[in-house]
PDB file of N, CA and C in Angstrom:
ATOM      1  N   UNK A   1     -34.440  34.272 -68.184  1.00  0.00           N
ATOM      2  CA  UNK A   1     -33.304  34.833 -67.871  1.00  0.00           C
ATOM      3  C   UNK A   1     -32.892  35.934 -66.727  1.00  0.00           C
ATOM      4  N   UNK A   2     -34.247  36.640 -66.738  1.00  0.00           N
ATOM      5  CA  UNK A   2     -34.594  38.022 -66.107  1.00  0.00           C
ATOM      6  C   UNK A   2     -34.644  37.493 -64.882  1.00  0.00           C
ATOM      7  N   UNK A   3     -35.105  36.795 -64.229  1.00  0.00           N
ATOM      8  CA  UNK A   3     -35.187  36.241 -63.032  1.00  0.00           C
ATOM      9  C   UNK A   3     -33.382  35.802 -62.566  1.00  0.00           C
ATOM     10  N   UNK A   4     -32.872  34.940 -63.577  1.00  0.00           N
ATOM     11  CA  UNK A   4     -31.751  35.001 -62.585  1.00  0.00           C
ATOM     12  C   UNK A   4     -30.857  36.152 -62.286  1.00  0.00           C
ATOM     13  N   UNK A   5     -31.366  37.079 -63.239  1.00  0.00           N
ATOM     14  CA  UNK A   5     -31.066  38.615 -62.325  1.00  0.00           C
ATOM     15  C   UNK A   5     -30.701  39.251 -61.619  1.00  0.00           C
ATOM     16  N   UNK A   6     -31.969  38.874 -61.119  1.00  0.00           N
ATOM     17  CA  UNK A   6     -32.991  39.860 -59.756  1.00  0.00           C
ATOM     18  C   UNK A   6     -32.439  39.116 -58.956  1.00  0.00           C
ATOM     19  N   UNK A   7     -31.069  37.900 -58.505  1.00  0.00           N
ATOM     20  CA  UNK A   7     -30.536  37.370 -57.650  1.00  0.00           C
ATOM     21  C   UNK A   7     -29.818  38.250 -57.057  1.00  0.00           C
ATOM     22  N   UNK A   8     -29.285  38.584 -55.562  1.00  0.00           N
ATOM     23  CA  UNK A   8     -28.268  39.125 -55.571  1.00  0.00           C
ATOM     24  C   UNK A   8     -27.196  38.050 -55.040  1.00  0.00           C
ATOM     25  N   UNK A   9     -25.949  38.760 -55.957  1.00  0.00           N
ATOM     26  CA  UNK A   9     -24.703  37.813 -56.131  1.00  0.00           C
ATOM     27  C   UNK A   9     -23.669  38.433 -54.550  1.00  0.00           C
ATOM     28  N   UNK A  10     -23.387  37.602 -54.897  1.00  0.00           N
ATOM     29  CA  UNK A  10     -22.382  37.008 -53.320  1.00  0.00           C
ATOM     30  C   UNK A  10     -20.864  37.057 -53.664  1.00  0.00           C
ATOM     31  N   UNK A  11     -20.252  38.519 -53.162  1.00  0.00           N
ATOM     32  CA  UNK A  11     -18.905  38.612 -53.486  1.00  0.00           C
ATOM     33  C   UNK A  11     -17.686  37.688 -52.875  1.00  0.00           C
ATOM     34  N   UNK A  12     -16.944  36.746 -53.787  1.00  0.00           N
ATOM     35  CA  UNK A  12     -15.946  36.136 -53.311  1.00  0.00           C
ATOM     36  C   UNK A  12     -15.074  36.356 -52.288  1.00  0.00           C
ATOM     37  N   UNK A  13     -14.824  35.349 -50.910  1.00  0.00           N
ATOM     38  CA  UNK A  13     -13.454  35.756 -50.694  1.00  0.00           C
ATOM     39  C   UNK A  13     -12.194  35.634 -51.110  1.00  0.00           C
ATOM     40  N   UNK A  14     -11.355  36.632 -50.570  1.00  0.00           N
ATOM     41  CA  UNK A  14     -10.327  36.281 -51.114  1.00  0.00           C
ATOM     42  C   UNK A  14      -9.051  35.282 -50.862  1.00  0.00           C
ATOM     43  N   UNK A  15      -8.436  34.614 -51.144  1.00  0.00           N
ATOM     44  CA  UNK A  15      -7.564  33.480 -50.860  1.00  0.00           C
ATOM     45  C   UNK A  15      -6.390  33.902 -49.892  1.00  0.00           C
ATOM     46  N   UNK A  16      -6.324  35.057 -49.422  1.00  0.00           N
ATOM     47  CA  UNK A  16      -5.341  35.240 -47.917  1.00  0.00           C
ATOM     48  C   UNK A  16      -6.529  34.826 -47.011  1.00  0.00           C
ATOM     49  N   UNK A  17      -8.245  35.232 -47.034  1.00  0.00           N
ATOM     50  CA  UNK A  17      -8.788  34.767 -46.131  1.00  0.00           C
ATOM     51  C   UNK A  17      -9.574  33.026 -45.883  1.00  0.00           C
ATOM     52  N   UNK A  18      -9.494  32.662 -47.254  1.00  0.00           N
ATOM     53  CA  UNK A  18      -9.528  31.165 -47.124  1.00  0.00           C
ATOM     54  C   UNK A  18      -8.894  30.115 -46.548  1.00  0.00           C
ATOM     55  N   UNK A  19      -7.245  30.757 -46.462  1.00  0.00           N
ATOM     56  CA  UNK A  19      -6.504  29.938 -46.222  1.00  0.00           C
ATOM     57  C   UNK A  19      -6.414  30.292 -44.796  1.00  0.00           C
ATOM     58  N   UNK A  20      -6.996  31.472 -43.739  1.00  0.00           N
ATOM     59  CA  UNK A  20      -6.540  31.540 -42.505  1.00  0.00           C
ATOM     60  C   UNK A  20      -7.759  30.687 -41.979  1.00  0.00           C
ATOM     61  N   UNK A  21      -9.198  30.872 -42.476  1.00  0.00           N
ATOM     62  CA  UNK A  21     -10.403  29.885 -42.039  1.00  0.00           C
ATOM     63  C   UNK A  21      -9.954  28.773 -41.900  1.00  0.00           C
ATOM     64  N   UNK A  22      -9.210  28.202 -43.338  1.00  0.00           N
ATOM     65  CA  UNK A  22      -9.164  26.953 -43.215  1.00  0.00           C
ATOM     66  C   UNK A  22      -7.773  26.224 -41.838  1.00  0.00           C
ATOM     67  N   UNK A  23      -6.769  27.167 -42.045  1.00  0.00           N
ATOM     68  CA  UNK A  23      -6.092  26.982 -41.123  1.00  0.00           C
ATOM     69  C   UNK A  23      -6.456  27.401 -39.474  1.00  0.00           C
ATOM     70  N   UNK A  24      -7.645  28.236 -39.123  1.00  0.00           N
ATOM     71  CA  UNK A  24      -8.612  28.295 -37.665  1.00  0.00           C
ATOM     72  C   UNK A  24      -9.130  26.754 -37.326  1.00  0.00           C
ATOM     73  N   UNK A  25      -9.358  26.124 -38.778  1.00  0.00           N
ATOM     74  CA  UNK A  25     -10.022  24.893 -38.908  1.00  0.00           C
ATOM     75  C   UNK A  25      -9.576  24.088 -38.341  1.00  0.00           C
ATOM     76  N   UNK A  26      -8.391  23.858 -38.724  1.00  0.00           N
ATOM     77  CA  UNK A  26      -7.504  22.937 -38.862  1.00  0.00           C
ATOM     78  C   UNK A  26      -7.056  22.825 -37.065  1.00  0.00           C
ATOM     79  N   UNK A  27      -6.341  24.121 -37.134  1.00  0.00           N
ATOM     80  CA  UNK A  27      -6.287  23.830 -35.325  1.00  0.00           C
ATOM     81  C   UNK A  27      -7.242  23.871 -34.524  1.00  0.00           C
ATOM     82  N   UNK A  28      -8.396  24.002 -34.488  1.00  0.00           N
ATOM     83  CA  UNK A  28      -9.100  23.710 -33.802  1.00  0.00           C
ATOM     84  C   UNK A  28      -9.525  22.380 -33.554  1.00  0.00           C
ATOM     85  N   UNK A  29      -9.782  21.806 -34.863  1.00  0.00           N
ATOM     86  CA  UNK A  29      -9.749  19.851 -35.074  1.00  0.00           C
ATOM     87  C   UNK A  29      -8.337  19.325 -34.673  1.00  0.00           C
ATOM     88  N   UNK A  30      -7.184  20.144 -34.895  1.00  0.00           N
ATOM     89  CA  UNK A  30      -5.882  19.225 -34.044  1.00  0.00           C
ATOM     90  C   UNK A  30      -6.055  19.317 -32.561  1.00  0.00           C
ATOM     91  N   UNK A  31      -7.245  20.350 -31.951  1.00  0.00           N
ATOM     92  CA  UNK A  31      -6.321  20.275 -30.388  1.00  0.00           C
ATOM     93  C   UNK A  31      -8.250  19.598 -29.746  1.00  0.00           C
ATOM     94  N   UNK A  32      -9.037  19.542 -30.827  1.00  0.00           N
ATOM     95  CA  UNK A  32      -9.771  18.228 -30.094  1.00  0.00           C
ATOM     96  C   UNK A  32      -9.932  17.177 -30.502  1.00  0.00           C
ATOM     97  N   UNK A  33      -9.069  17.136 -31.038  1.00  0.00           N
ATOM     98  CA  UNK A  33      -9.148  15.352 -31.113  1.00  0.00           C
ATOM     99  C   UNK A  33      -7.518  15.356 -29.751  1.00  0.00           C
ATOM    100  N   UNK A  34      -6.803  15.828 -29.800  1.00  0.00           N
ATOM    101  CA  UNK A  34      -5.749  15.832 -28.957  1.00  0.00           C
ATOM    102  C   UNK A  34      -6.118  15.670 -27.595  1.00  0.00           C
ATOM    103  N   UNK A  35      -6.964  16.538 -27.072  1.00  0.00           N
ATOM    104  CA  UNK A  35      -8.008  16.468 -25.862  1.00  0.00           C
ATOM    105  C   UNK A  35      -8.965  14.992 -26.038  1.00  0.00           C
ATOM    106  N   UNK A  36      -8.887  14.348 -26.810  1.00  0.00           N
ATOM    107  CA  UNK A  36     -10.204  13.242 -27.294  1.00  0.00           C
ATOM    108  C   UNK A  36      -9.476  12.027 -27.092  1.00  0.00           C
ATOM    109  N   UNK A  37      -8.114  11.702 -28.133  1.00  0.00           N
ATOM    110  CA  UNK A  37      -7.339  11.192 -27.556  1.00  0.00           C
ATOM    111  C   UNK A  37      -6.178  10.558 -26.400  1.00  0.00           C
ATOM    112  N   UNK A  38      -6.272  12.072 -25.673  1.00  0.00           N
ATOM    113  CA  UNK A  38      -5.998  11.677 -24.276  1.00  0.00           C
ATOM    114  C   UNK A  38      -6.982  11.668 -23.337  1.00  0.00           C
ATOM    115  N   UNK A  39      -8.245  11.956 -23.255  1.00  0.00           N
ATOM    116  CA  UNK A  39      -9.343  10.989 -22.101  1.00  0.00           C
ATOM    117  C   UNK A  39      -9.414   9.571 -23.051  1.00  0.00           C
ATOM    118  N   UNK A  40      -9.292   9.428 -24.189  1.00  0.00           N
ATOM    119  CA  UNK A  40      -9.843   8.178 -23.883  1.00  0.00           C
ATOM    120  C   UNK A  40      -8.194   6.683 -23.517  1.00  0.00           C
ATOM    121  N   UNK A  41      -6.929   7.776 -23.766  1.00  0.00           N
ATOM    122  CA  UNK A  41      -5.794   7.166 -22.981  1.00  0.00           C
ATOM    123  C   UNK A  41      -5.875   6.697 -21.837  1.00  0.00           C
ATOM    124  N   UNK A  42      -6.569   7.820 -20.560  1.00  0.00           N
ATOM    125  CA  UNK A  42      -6.510   7.719 -19.539  1.00  0.00           C
ATOM    126  C   UNK A  42      -8.056   6.694 -19.170  1.00  0.00           C
ATOM    127  N   UNK A  43      -8.001   5.832 -19.544  1.00  0.00           N
ATOM    128  CA  UNK A  43      -9.910   5.287 -19.542  1.00  0.00           C
ATOM    129  C   UNK A  43      -8.879   3.781 -18.315  1.00  0.00           C
ATOM    130  N   UNK A  44      -9.137   4.912 -17.063  1.00  0.00           N
ATOM    131  CA  UNK A  44      -9.258   3.888 -15.861  1.00  0.00           C
ATOM    132  C   UNK A  44     -10.231   2.835 -15.765  1.00  0.00           C
ATOM    133  N   UNK A  45      -9.960   1.891 -14.822  1.00  0.00           N
ATOM    134  CA  UNK A  45     -11.198   0.945 -14.671  1.00  0.00           C
ATOM    135  C   UNK A  45     -11.905   1.436 -13.187  1.00  0.00           C
ATOM    136  N   UNK A  46     -12.904   1.461 -12.134  1.00  0.00           N
ATOM    137  CA  UNK A  46     -13.151   1.889 -11.496  1.00  0.00           C
ATOM    138  C   UNK A  46     -12.112   1.217 -10.154  1.00  0.00           C
ATOM    139  N   UNK A  47     -12.089  -0.083 -10.502  1.00  0.00           N
ATOM    140  CA  UNK A  47     -11.428  -0.808  -9.675  1.00  0.00           C
ATOM    141  C   UNK A  47      -9.563  -0.254  -9.578  1.00  0.00           C
ATOM    142  N   UNK A  48      -9.168   0.683  -9.881  1.00  0.00           N
ATOM    143  CA  UNK A  48      -7.956   1.209 -10.538  1.00  0.00           C
ATOM    144  C   UNK A  48      -8.441   2.659  -8.845  1.00  0.00           C
ATOM    145  N   UNK A  49      -9.394   2.931  -9.216  1.00  0.00           N
ATOM    146  CA  UNK A  49      -9.465   4.129  -8.779  1.00  0.00           C
ATOM    147  C   UNK A  49      -9.725   3.435  -6.959  1.00  0.00           C
ATOM    148  N   UNK A  50     -10.910   2.871  -6.919  1.00  0.00           N
ATOM    149  CA  UNK A  50     -10.964   1.525  -5.308  1.00  0.00           C
ATOM    150  C   UNK A  50      -9.476   1.496  -5.262  1.00  0.00           C
ATOM    151  N   UNK A  51      -8.522   1.018  -5.865  1.00  0.00           N
ATOM    152  CA  UNK A  51      -7.626   0.607  -5.039  1.00  0.00           C
ATOM    153  C   UNK A  51      -6.391   1.983  -4.717  1.00  0.00           C
ATOM    154  N   UNK A  52      -6.478   2.982  -5.592  1.00  0.00           N
ATOM    155  CA  UNK A  52      -5.733   3.736  -4.824  1.00  0.00           C
ATOM    156  C   UNK A  52      -6.912   5.023  -3.526  1.00  0.00           C
ATOM    157  N   UNK A  53      -7.535   5.393  -3.998  1.00  0.00           N
ATOM    158  CA  UNK A  53      -8.251   5.205  -2.369  1.00  0.00           C
ATOM    159  C   UNK A  53      -7.861   4.652  -1.255  1.00  0.00           C
ATOM    160  N   UNK A  54      -7.728   3.329  -1.647  1.00  0.00           N
ATOM    161  CA  UNK A  54      -7.405   2.165  -0.434  1.00  0.00           C
ATOM    162  C   UNK A  54      -5.517   2.530  -0.082  1.00  0.00           C
ATOM    163  N   UNK A  55      -5.278   2.919  -1.151  1.00  0.00           N
ATOM    164  CA  UNK A  55      -3.648   2.978  -1.037  1.00  0.00           C
ATOM    165  C   UNK A  55      -3.150   4.415   0.323  1.00  0.00           C
ATOM    166  N   UNK A  56      -4.255   5.616  -0.234  1.00  0.00           N
ATOM    167  CA  UNK A  56      -4.315   6.086   0.733  1.00  0.00           C
ATOM    168  C   UNK A  56      -4.227   6.443   1.799  1.00  0.00           C
ATOM    169  N   UNK A  57      -5.796   5.330   2.480  1.00  0.00           N
ATOM    170  CA  UNK A  57      -6.225   5.298   3.375  1.00  0.00           C
ATOM    171  C   UNK A  57      -4.692   4.233   4.112  1.00  0.00           C
ATOM    172  N   UNK A  58      -4.142   3.860   3.458  1.00  0.00           N
ATOM    173  CA  UNK A  58      -2.791   2.589   3.815  1.00  0.00           C
ATOM    174  C   UNK A  58      -1.894   3.549   4.462  1.00  0.00           C
ATOM    175  N   UNK A  59      -1.814   4.570   3.561  1.00  0.00           N
ATOM    176  CA  UNK A  59      -0.641   5.752   4.004  1.00  0.00           C
ATOM    177  C   UNK A  59      -0.905   6.245   5.064  1.00  0.00           C
ATOM    178  N   UNK A  60      -2.044   6.878   5.403  1.00  0.00           N
ATOM    179  CA  UNK A  60      -1.983   7.102   6.896  1.00  0.00           C
ATOM    180  C   UNK A  60      -2.278   6.214   7.332  1.00  0.00           C
ATOM    181  N   UNK A  61      -2.615   5.145   7.753  1.00  0.00           N
ATOM    182  CA  UNK A  61      -2.586   4.101   8.464  1.00  0.00           C
ATOM    183  C   UNK A  61      -0.838   3.978   8.886  1.00  0.00           C
ATOM    184  N   UNK A  62      -0.350   4.058   8.118  1.00  0.00           N
ATOM    185  CA  UNK A  62       1.190   3.454   8.183  1.00  0.00           C
ATOM    186  C   UNK A  62       1.884   4.458   9.119  1.00  0.00           C
ATOM    187  N   UNK A  63       1.612   6.271   8.503  1.00  0.00           N
ATOM    188  CA  UNK A  63       1.695   7.078   9.338  1.00  0.00           C
ATOM    189  C   UNK A  63       1.614   7.286  10.782  1.00  0.00           C
ATOM    190  N   UNK A  64       0.226   7.126  11.155  1.00  0.00           N
ATOM    191  CA  UNK A  64      -0.413   7.069  12.179  1.00  0.00           C
ATOM    192  C   UNK A  64       0.094   6.272  13.434  1.00  0.00           C
ATOM    193  N   UNK A  65      -0.045   4.533  12.659  1.00  0.00           N
ATOM    194  CA  UNK A  65       0.545   3.531  13.732  1.00  0.00           C
ATOM    195  C   UNK A  65       2.514   3.349  13.755  1.00  0.00           C
ATOM    196  N   UNK A  66       2.896   4.033  12.420  1.00  0.00           N
ATOM    197  CA  UNK A  66       4.545   3.994  12.213  1.00  0.00           C
ATOM    198  C   UNK A  66       4.864   2.438  12.154  1.00  0.00           C
ATOM    199  N   UNK A  67       4.117   1.758  11.219  1.00  0.00           N
ATOM    200  CA  UNK A  67       4.490   0.559  11.044  1.00  0.00           C
ATOM    201  C   UNK A  67       4.419   0.686   9.287  1.00  0.00           C
ATOM    202  N   UNK A  68       5.745   0.632   9.218  1.00  0.00           N
ATOM    203  CA  UNK A  68       6.537   0.227   7.944  1.00  0.00           C
ATOM    204  C   UNK A  68       6.823  -0.666   7.525  1.00  0.00           C
ATOM    205  N   UNK A  69       6.327  -1.809   7.570  1.00  0.00           N
ATOM    206  CA  UNK A  69       6.667  -3.738   7.631  1.00  0.00           C
ATOM    207  C   UNK A  69       6.130  -3.670   5.865  1.00  0.00           C
ATOM    208  N   UNK A  70       6.473  -4.102   5.636  1.00  0.00           N
ATOM    209  CA  UNK A  70       6.169  -4.625   3.915  1.00  0.00           C
ATOM    210  C   UNK A  70       4.827  -5.738   3.985  1.00  0.00           C
ATOM    211  N   UNK A  71       4.453  -5.411   2.747  1.00  0.00           N
ATOM    212  CA  UNK A  71       2.821  -6.042   3.381  1.00  0.00           C
ATOM    213  C   UNK A  71       2.315  -6.343   2.011  1.00  0.00           C
ATOM    214  N   UNK A  72       1.264  -7.149   2.113  1.00  0.00           N
ATOM    215  CA  UNK A  72       0.745  -7.630   0.231  1.00  0.00           C
ATOM    216  C   UNK A  72      -0.628  -8.019   1.015  1.00  0.00           C
ATOM    217  N   UNK A  73      -1.368  -7.183   0.390  1.00  0.00           N
ATOM    218  CA  UNK A  73      -3.095  -7.225   0.451  1.00  0.00           C
ATOM    219  C   UNK A  73      -3.596  -7.427  -1.036  1.00  0.00           C
ATOM    220  N   UNK A  74      -4.426  -8.641  -0.375  1.00  0.00           N
ATOM    221  CA  UNK A  74      -5.610  -9.132  -2.056  1.00  0.00           C
ATOM    222  C   UNK A  74      -7.511  -8.826  -1.644  1.00  0.00           C
ATOM    223  N   UNK A  75      -7.874  -8.100  -2.436  1.00  0.00           N
ATOM    224  CA  UNK A  75      -8.743  -7.608  -2.333  1.00  0.00           C
ATOM    225  C   UNK A  75      -9.546  -8.825  -3.437  1.00  0.00           C
ATOM    226  N   UNK A  76     -10.784  -8.569  -3.842  1.00  0.00           N
ATOM    227  CA  UNK A  76     -11.920  -8.796  -4.678  1.00  0.00           C
ATOM    228  C   UNK A  76     -11.481  -9.082  -5.922  1.00  0.00           C
ATOM    229  N   UNK A  77     -11.327  -7.299  -6.282  1.00  0.00           N
ATOM    230  CA  UNK A  77     -11.244  -6.872  -7.610  1.00  0.00           C
ATOM    231  C   UNK A  77      -9.416  -6.853  -8.307  1.00  0.00           C
ATOM    232  N   UNK A  78      -8.293  -6.403  -7.162  1.00  0.00           N
ATOM    233  CA  UNK A  78      -6.938  -6.065  -7.050  1.00  0.00           C
ATOM    234  C   UNK A  78      -5.985  -6.556  -6.096  1.00  0.00           C
ATOM    235  N   UNK A  79      -5.215  -6.483  -5.883  1.00  0.00           N
ATOM    236  CA  UNK A  79      -4.447  -6.365  -4.618  1.00  0.00           C
ATOM    237  C   UNK A  79      -3.437  -5.643  -4.661  1.00  0.00           C
ATOM    238  N   UNK A  80      -2.674  -5.137  -3.938  1.00  0.00           N
ATOM    239  CA  UNK A  80      -2.056  -4.269  -3.390  1.00  0.00           C
ATOM    240  C   UNK A  80      -0.461  -5.242  -2.712  1.00  0.00           C
ATOM    241  N   UNK A  81       0.449  -4.458  -3.299  1.00  0.00           N
ATOM    242  CA  UNK A  81       1.989  -4.836  -2.084  1.00  0.00           C
ATOM    243  C   UNK A  81       2.452  -3.770  -2.593  1.00  0.00           C
ATOM    244  N   UNK A  82       2.588  -3.438  -0.360  1.00  0.00           N
ATOM    245  CA  UNK A  82       2.945  -2.653  -0.120  1.00  0.00           C
ATOM    246  C   UNK A  82       4.745  -2.808   0.055  1.00  0.00           C
ATOM    247  N   UNK A  83       5.996  -2.127   0.139  1.00  0.00           N
ATOM    248  CA  UNK A  83       7.461  -1.936   0.067  1.00  0.00           C
ATOM    249  C   UNK A  83       7.724  -0.694   1.084  1.00  0.00           C
ATOM    250  N   UNK A  84       8.631  -0.841   1.886  1.00  0.00           N
ATOM    251  CA  UNK A  84       8.780   0.208   2.164  1.00  0.00           C
ATOM    252  C   UNK A  84      10.227   0.605   2.630  1.00  0.00           C
ATOM    253  N   UNK A  85      10.450   1.809   1.567  1.00  0.00           N
ATOM    254  CA  UNK A  85      12.605   1.529   2.195  1.00  0.00           C
ATOM    255  C   UNK A  85      12.543   2.997   3.106  1.00  0.00           C
ATOM    256  N   UNK A  86      13.520   2.599   4.043  1.00  0.00           N
ATOM    257  CA  UNK A  86      13.802   3.947   5.317  1.00  0.00           C
ATOM    258  C   UNK A  86      14.731   4.322   4.425  1.00  0.00           C
ATOM    259  N   UNK A  87      15.349   5.604   4.633  1.00  0.00           N
ATOM    260  CA  UNK A  87      16.352   6.331   4.536  1.00  0.00           C
ATOM    261  C   UNK A  87      16.551   7.136   5.775  1.00  0.00           C
ATOM    262  N   UNK A  88      17.534   6.512   6.694  1.00  0.00           N
ATOM    263  CA  UNK A  88      17.772   7.172   8.106  1.00  0.00           C
ATOM    264  C   UNK A  88      18.120   8.431   8.054  1.00  0.00           C
ATOM    265  N   UNK A  89      19.111   8.959   6.610  1.00  0.00           N
ATOM    266  CA  UNK A  89      19.949  10.267   6.509  1.00  0.00           C
ATOM    267  C   UNK A  89      18.576  11.096   6.494  1.00  0.00           C
ATOM    268  N   UNK A  90      18.094  10.823   5.489  1.00  0.00           N
ATOM    269  CA  UNK A  90      17.096  12.162   5.441  1.00  0.00           C
ATOM    270  C   UNK A  90      15.936  12.319   5.815  1.00  0.00           C
ATOM    271  N   UNK A  91      16.020  10.586   7.120  1.00  0.00           N
ATOM    272  CA  UNK A  91      14.860  11.275   7.490  1.00  0.00           C
ATOM    273  C   UNK A  91      13.475  11.119   7.177  1.00  0.00           C
ATOM    274  N   UNK A  92      13.421   9.884   6.033  1.00  0.00           N
ATOM    275  CA  UNK A  92      12.389   9.763   5.005  1.00  0.00           C
ATOM    276  C   UNK A  92      12.316   8.237   4.795  1.00  0.00           C
ATOM    277  N   UNK A  93      11.020   7.672   4.486  1.00  0.00           N
ATOM    278  CA  UNK A  93      10.464   6.745   4.740  1.00  0.00           C
ATOM    279  C   UNK A  93      10.049   7.027   2.865  1.00  0.00           C
ATOM    280  N   UNK A  94      10.201   6.062   1.920  1.00  0.00           N
ATOM    281  CA  UNK A  94       9.444   5.279   0.891  1.00  0.00           C
ATOM    282  C   UNK A  94       9.251   4.962   0.415  1.00  0.00           C
ATOM    283  N   UNK A  95       7.087   4.768   0.268  1.00  0.00           N
ATOM    284  CA  UNK A  95       6.286   3.612   0.160  1.00  0.00           C
ATOM    285  C   UNK A  95       6.085   3.490  -0.812  1.00  0.00           C
ATOM    286  N   UNK A  96       5.950   2.223  -1.362  1.00  0.00           N
ATOM    287  CA  UNK A  96       5.882   1.723  -2.907  1.00  0.00           C
ATOM    288  C   UNK A  96       4.740   0.443  -2.812  1.00  0.00           C
ATOM    289  N   UNK A  97       3.824   1.421  -3.231  1.00  0.00           N
ATOM    290  CA  UNK A  97       2.361   0.346  -3.408  1.00  0.00           C
ATOM    291  C   UNK A  97       2.334   0.199  -5.041  1.00  0.00           C
ATOM    292  N   UNK A  98       2.152  -1.231  -4.951  1.00  0.00           N
ATOM    293  CA  UNK A  98       1.810  -2.075  -5.903  1.00  0.00           C
ATOM    294  C   UNK A  98       0.783  -2.284  -6.778  1.00  0.00           C
ATOM    295  N   UNK A  99      -0.464  -1.622  -7.647  1.00  0.00           N
ATOM    296  CA  UNK A  99      -1.202  -2.419  -7.397  1.00  0.00           C
ATOM    297  C   UNK A  99      -1.823  -2.898  -8.689  1.00  0.00           C
ATOM    298  N   UNK A 100      -2.170  -4.287  -8.488  1.00  0.00           N
ATOM    299  CA  UNK A 100      -2.760  -5.336 -10.266  1.00  0.00           C
ATOM    300  C   UNK A 100      -4.004  -5.442  -9.833  1.00  0.00           C
ATOM    301  N   UNK A 101      -4.215  -4.697 -11.082  1.00  0.00           N
ATOM    302  CA  UNK A 101      -5.956  -5.101 -11.127  1.00  0.00           C
ATOM    303  C   UNK A 101      -6.467  -5.212 -12.474  1.00  0.00           C
ATOM    304  N   UNK A 102      -6.894  -6.941 -12.747  1.00  0.00           N
ATOM    305  CA  UNK A 102      -6.824  -7.801 -13.714  1.00  0.00           C
ATOM    306  C   UNK A 102      -4.966  -8.363 -14.584  1.00  0.00           C
ATOM    307  N   UNK A 103      -5.278  -7.373 -15.386  1.00  0.00           N
ATOM    308  CA  UNK A 103      -3.902  -7.525 -16.362  1.00  0.00           C
ATOM    309  C   UNK A 103      -2.912  -6.190 -16.283  1.00  0.00           C
ATOM    310  N   UNK A 104      -3.201  -5.349 -15.685  1.00  0.00           N
ATOM    311  CA  UNK A 104      -2.637  -4.263 -15.615  1.00  0.00           C
ATOM    312  C   UNK A 104      -1.709  -3.668 -14.116  1.00  0.00           C
ATOM    313  N   UNK A 105      -1.273  -3.236 -14.432  1.00  0.00           N
ATOM    314  CA  UNK A 105       0.292  -3.206 -12.832  1.00  0.00           C
ATOM    315  C   UNK A 105       0.124  -1.168 -12.798  1.00  0.00           C
ATOM    316  N   UNK A 106      -0.011  -1.026 -11.447  1.00  0.00           N
ATOM    317  CA  UNK A 106      -0.163   0.495 -11.189  1.00  0.00           C
ATOM    318  C   UNK A 106       0.756   0.399 -10.084  1.00  0.00           C
ATOM    319  N   UNK A 107       2.216   1.581 -10.242  1.00  0.00           N
ATOM    320  CA  UNK A 107       2.862   1.776  -9.075  1.00  0.00           C
ATOM    321  C   UNK A 107       2.922   3.528  -8.333  1.00  0.00           C
ATOM    322  N   UNK A 108       2.201   3.090  -7.692  1.00  0.00           N
ATOM    323  CA  UNK A 108       2.375   4.420  -6.926  1.00  0.00           C
ATOM    324  C   UNK A 108       3.644   4.775  -5.671  1.00  0.00           C
ATOM    325  N   UNK A 109       4.189   5.544  -5.888  1.00  0.00           N
ATOM    326  CA  UNK A 109       5.486   6.306  -4.649  1.00  0.00           C
ATOM    327  C   UNK A 109       4.694   6.921  -3.819  1.00  0.00           C
ATOM    328  N   UNK A 110       5.652   6.837  -2.053  1.00  0.00           N
ATOM    329  CA  UNK A 110       4.562   7.765  -1.295  1.00  0.00           C
ATOM    330  C   UNK A 110       5.971   8.312  -0.410  1.00  0.00           C
ATOM    331  N   UNK A 111       6.100   9.691  -0.465  1.00  0.00           N
ATOM    332  CA  UNK A 111       7.523  10.158   0.490  1.00  0.00           C
ATOM    333  C   UNK A 111       6.998  10.339   1.411  1.00  0.00           C
ATOM    334  N   UNK A 112       6.897   9.982   2.613  1.00  0.00           N
ATOM    335  CA  UNK A 112       6.620  10.464   4.082  1.00  0.00           C
ATOM    336  C   UNK A 112       8.037  10.833   5.031  1.00  0.00           C
ATOM    337  N   UNK A 113       7.707  11.533   5.657  1.00  0.00           N
ATOM    338  CA  UNK A 113       8.454  11.687   7.273  1.00  0.00           C
ATOM    339  C   UNK A 113       9.251  10.528   7.808  1.00  0.00           C
ATOM    340  N   UNK A 114      10.442  10.261   8.098  1.00  0.00           N
ATOM    341  CA  UNK A 114      10.630   9.403   9.165  1.00  0.00           C
ATOM    342  C   UNK A 114      10.642   9.558  10.832  1.00  0.00           C
ATOM    343  N   UNK A 115      10.330   9.332  11.751  1.00  0.00           N
ATOM    344  CA  UNK A 115      11.064   9.568  12.675  1.00  0.00           C
ATOM    345  C   UNK A 115      10.867   8.530  14.025  1.00  0.00           C
ATOM    346  N   UNK A 116      11.918   8.380  14.002  1.00  0.00           N
ATOM    347  CA  UNK A 116      12.808   7.284  15.037  1.00  0.00           C
ATOM    348  C   UNK A 116      11.604   6.671  16.179  1.00  0.00           C
ATOM    349  N   UNK A 117      11.513   6.202  16.374  1.00  0.00           N
ATOM    350  CA  UNK A 117      10.839   6.111  17.851  1.00  0.00           C
ATOM    351  C   UNK A 117      11.745   5.848  19.279  1.00  0.00           C
TER     352      UNK A 117
END
């Protein structure tokens, strides 16, 4: 019995401290879970990123050559459909690129200035 009494006793935390600790742990878990779910949801294949890079090249090419024709491009892993809508009043062009990779479809809109030849 004397051996048991020789150990140092720990004081218990108050109820308020326990509630605050649980609240902090819950908030940290919620933030971590939210970040994890967002990362998993945005998991896109490399095909998408390759196609997105190709869209940037096609946009630059369209601006340099002032070629605003509708186009359909087919590659090994994806297809890109380019549609151009010219707005002469606002002197702008909306290039709509539709990317199809497997069973997923993405749309990218590019607004570029329009200078009539």
